[in-house]
Amino acid sequence: MDTTTPTPPTARTARELRAGWEELLDPPDHDRPSLWILVVDGETRRLTSLLHEVADLPATPTPGDAAQLERFLAQLAAAVLRDRHRVAVALRRRGGPLPDATDLRWIETVYEACDAVDAPCETVHLVGDAGAFPVTRAEVRAARAAQRGRDARSSSTTAS
């Protein structure tokens, strides 16, 4: 990780958090996706210098990947999150602004890991060639429900 990262900006609004991710991570500099995790001070909304990269993610998160992310977030929660800090996460990869199925699996894994260890989490951002875009929990749930519906229709058509 580059040690010359600029001073993290303040992110008082969702728009400022998005701009902060773009400032810190845009454009993606390698082909393998990575997760970027940082701490947001809950009072000043400053993006802290506690920035961690999980590099070279596999295409699909495994249960082991999810468990490892949970352990990291649990340690972060115990050490620094306390009551006034939140975690912010970005999935950085090459490509356009719309999340694909792989992106959604990783983003869902992030939200689930944060929930599992009670780590307060900002909206996860997808950072690609076109900038940073928030992907809400509701968007992930809707996309996963749509996929389950397509899978169910496909399996019923195959069974006919």
Protein backbone atom coordinates (compact mmCIF):
# COMPACT_ATOMS: atom_id res chain seq x y z
CA MET A 1 0.00 0.00 0.00
CA ASP A 2 1.21 3.45 -0.87
CA THR A 3 2.33 5.31 2.26
CA THR A 4 1.92 8.70 0.58
CA THR A 5 -1.88 8.57 0.69
CA PRO A 6 -3.22 12.12 0.93
CA THR A 7 -4.85 13.31 4.13
CA PRO A 8 -8.30 11.78 4.12
CA PRO A 9 -11.07 14.29 3.49
CA THR A 10 -14.10 15.00 5.63
CA ALA A 11 -17.25 13.17 4.58
CA ARG A 12 -20.22 14.79 6.28
CA THR A 13 -22.65 13.64 3.58
CA ALA A 14 -23.08 10.59 1.38
CA ARG A 15 -21.90 12.70 -1.58
CA GLU A 16 -18.71 13.65 0.30
CA LEU A 17 -18.05 10.01 1.21
CA ARG A 18 -18.37 9.09 -2.47
CA ALA A 19 -15.99 11.91 -3.41
CA GLY A 20 -13.61 10.76 -0.68
CA TRP A 21 -13.45 7.26 -2.15
CA GLU A 22 -12.84 8.72 -5.59
CA GLU A 23 -10.02 10.86 -4.24
CA LEU A 24 -8.41 7.96 -2.40
CA LEU A 25 -8.90 5.13 -4.92
CA ASP A 26 -9.72 6.36 -8.40
CA PRO A 27 -8.75 5.09 -10.87
CA PRO A 28 -8.22 1.40 -10.13
CA ASP A 29 -4.56 0.60 -10.71
CA HIS A 30 -4.64 -3.16 -11.15
CA ASP A 31 -6.90 -5.82 -12.61
CA ARG A 32 -7.65 -7.85 -9.47
CA PRO A 33 -10.43 -6.51 -7.24
CA SER A 34 -9.66 -5.38 -3.70
CA LEU A 35 -11.56 -4.27 -0.62
CA TRP A 36 -10.58 -1.04 1.07
CA ILE A 37 -11.61 -0.52 4.67
CA LEU A 38 -11.30 2.71 6.59
CA VAL A 39 -12.68 4.24 9.76
CA VAL A 40 -14.94 7.28 9.73
CA ASP A 41 -14.89 9.46 12.84
CA GLY A 42 -18.52 9.76 13.87
CA GLU A 43 -18.18 13.30 15.24
CA THR A 44 -16.09 15.08 12.62
CA ARG A 45 -16.97 12.66 9.80
CA ARG A 46 -13.28 12.75 8.85
CA LEU A 47 -12.09 9.72 6.96
CA THR A 48 -9.30 8.61 9.26
CA SER A 49 -5.84 7.50 8.26
CA LEU A 50 -6.72 3.94 9.35
CA LEU A 51 -6.90 2.55 5.84
CA HIS A 52 -6.50 -1.15 5.08
CA GLU A 53 -6.47 -2.94 1.72
CA VAL A 54 -7.50 -6.55 1.24
CA ALA A 55 -5.84 -7.16 -2.13
CA ASP A 56 -6.38 -9.70 -4.90
CA LEU A 57 -9.83 -10.91 -3.94
CA PRO A 58 -10.97 -14.23 -5.40
CA ALA A 59 -13.88 -14.04 -7.84
CA THR A 60 -16.36 -15.32 -5.28
CA PRO A 61 -16.10 -14.93 -1.50
CA THR A 62 -15.81 -18.25 0.28
CA PRO A 63 -17.02 -18.95 3.83
CA GLY A 64 -13.35 -18.68 4.84
CA ASP A 65 -13.08 -15.22 3.25
CA ALA A 66 -16.22 -14.12 5.11
CA ALA A 67 -14.86 -15.47 8.40
CA GLN A 68 -11.53 -13.73 7.89
CA LEU A 69 -13.29 -10.43 7.14
CA GLU A 70 -15.42 -10.86 10.27
CA ARG A 71 -12.30 -11.45 12.39
CA PHE A 72 -10.64 -8.33 10.99
CA LEU A 73 -13.76 -6.21 11.55
CA ALA A 74 -14.18 -7.61 15.08
CA GLN A 75 -10.59 -6.60 15.91
CA LEU A 76 -11.17 -3.17 14.38
CA ALA A 77 -14.41 -2.76 16.32
CA ALA A 78 -12.75 -3.73 19.59
CA ALA A 79 -9.71 -1.51 19.04
CA VAL A 80 -11.02 1.69 17.44
CA LEU A 81 -14.67 1.79 16.47
CA ARG A 82 -16.11 2.40 19.94
CA ASP A 83 -19.35 4.37 19.96
CA ARG A 84 -18.45 7.25 17.68
CA HIS A 85 -16.69 5.58 14.75
CA ARG A 86 -18.04 3.72 11.76
CA VAL A 87 -16.43 1.54 9.15
CA ALA A 88 -16.48 2.52 5.47
CA VAL A 89 -15.73 -0.06 2.79
CA ALA A 90 -15.13 0.18 -0.93
CA LEU A 91 -14.86 -2.63 -3.45
CA ARG A 92 -12.30 -1.44 -6.00
CA ARG A 93 -12.13 -3.07 -9.41
CA ARG A 94 -11.91 -2.32 -13.10
CA GLY A 95 -15.18 -1.84 -14.93
CA GLY A 96 -18.27 0.30 -15.13
CA PRO A 97 -20.49 1.72 -12.44
CA LEU A 98 -23.05 -1.10 -12.24
CA PRO A 99 -22.33 -3.97 -9.86
CA ASP A 100 -22.26 -7.43 -11.41
CA ALA A 101 -23.12 -10.68 -9.60
CA THR A 102 -19.58 -11.03 -8.24
CA ASP A 103 -19.56 -7.45 -6.94
CA LEU A 104 -22.91 -8.05 -5.25
CA ARG A 105 -21.64 -11.22 -3.54
CA TRP A 106 -18.64 -9.33 -2.13
CA ILE A 107 -20.73 -6.34 -1.05
CA GLU A 108 -23.27 -8.65 0.59
CA THR A 109 -20.39 -10.40 2.39
CA VAL A 110 -19.17 -7.03 3.71
CA TYR A 111 -22.60 -6.08 5.05
CA GLU A 112 -23.08 -9.52 6.62
CA ALA A 113 -19.62 -9.41 8.24
CA CYS A 114 -20.30 -5.95 9.69
CA ASP A 115 -23.64 -7.14 11.05
CA ALA A 116 -22.10 -10.30 12.52
CA VAL A 117 -19.63 -8.31 14.64
CA ASP A 118 -21.84 -5.25 15.28
CA ALA A 119 -19.52 -2.96 13.34
CA PRO A 120 -21.48 0.13 12.26
CA CYS A 121 -21.06 0.43 8.50
CA GLU A 122 -21.46 3.22 5.99
CA THR A 123 -22.95 2.36 2.59
CA VAL A 124 -20.45 0.22 0.69
CA HIS A 125 -19.08 1.85 -2.45
CA LEU A 126 -18.09 0.25 -5.74
CA VAL A 127 -15.07 2.06 -7.19
CA GLY A 128 -14.39 1.39 -10.85
CA ASP A 129 -13.20 3.10 -14.00
CA ALA A 130 -16.14 5.55 -13.92
CA GLY A 131 -15.73 6.61 -10.28
CA ALA A 132 -17.29 5.58 -6.96
CA PHE A 133 -20.90 4.50 -6.60
CA PRO A 134 -22.79 3.58 -3.43
CA VAL A 135 -24.46 0.16 -3.27
CA THR A 136 -27.01 0.05 -0.48
CA ARG A 137 -28.14 -2.97 1.50
CA ALA A 138 -31.56 -2.63 -0.14
CA GLU A 139 -30.01 -2.77 -3.61
CA VAL A 140 -28.08 -5.90 -2.69
CA ARG A 141 -31.22 -7.57 -1.26
CA ALA A 142 -33.25 -6.64 -4.35
CA ALA A 143 -30.60 -7.94 -6.74
CA ARG A 144 -30.23 -11.20 -4.79
CA ALA A 145 -34.04 -11.66 -4.69
CA ALA A 146 -34.25 -11.07 -8.44
CA GLN A 147 -31.49 -13.64 -8.97
CA ARG A 148 -33.31 -16.20 -6.80
CA GLY A 149 -36.47 -15.54 -8.84
CA ARG A 150 -34.59 -16.11 -12.11
CA ASP A 151 -33.02 -19.27 -10.68
CA ALA A 152 -36.43 -20.57 -9.57
CA ARG A 153 -38.00 -19.87 -12.99
CA SER A 154 -35.04 -21.53 -14.69
CA SER A 155 -35.27 -24.64 -12.56
CA SER A 156 -39.06 -24.92 -13.04
CA THR A 157 -38.64 -24.55 -16.80
CA THR A 158 -35.97 -27.23 -16.77
CA ALA A 159 -38.20 -29.56 -14.72
CA SER A 160 -41.09 -29.24 -17.21
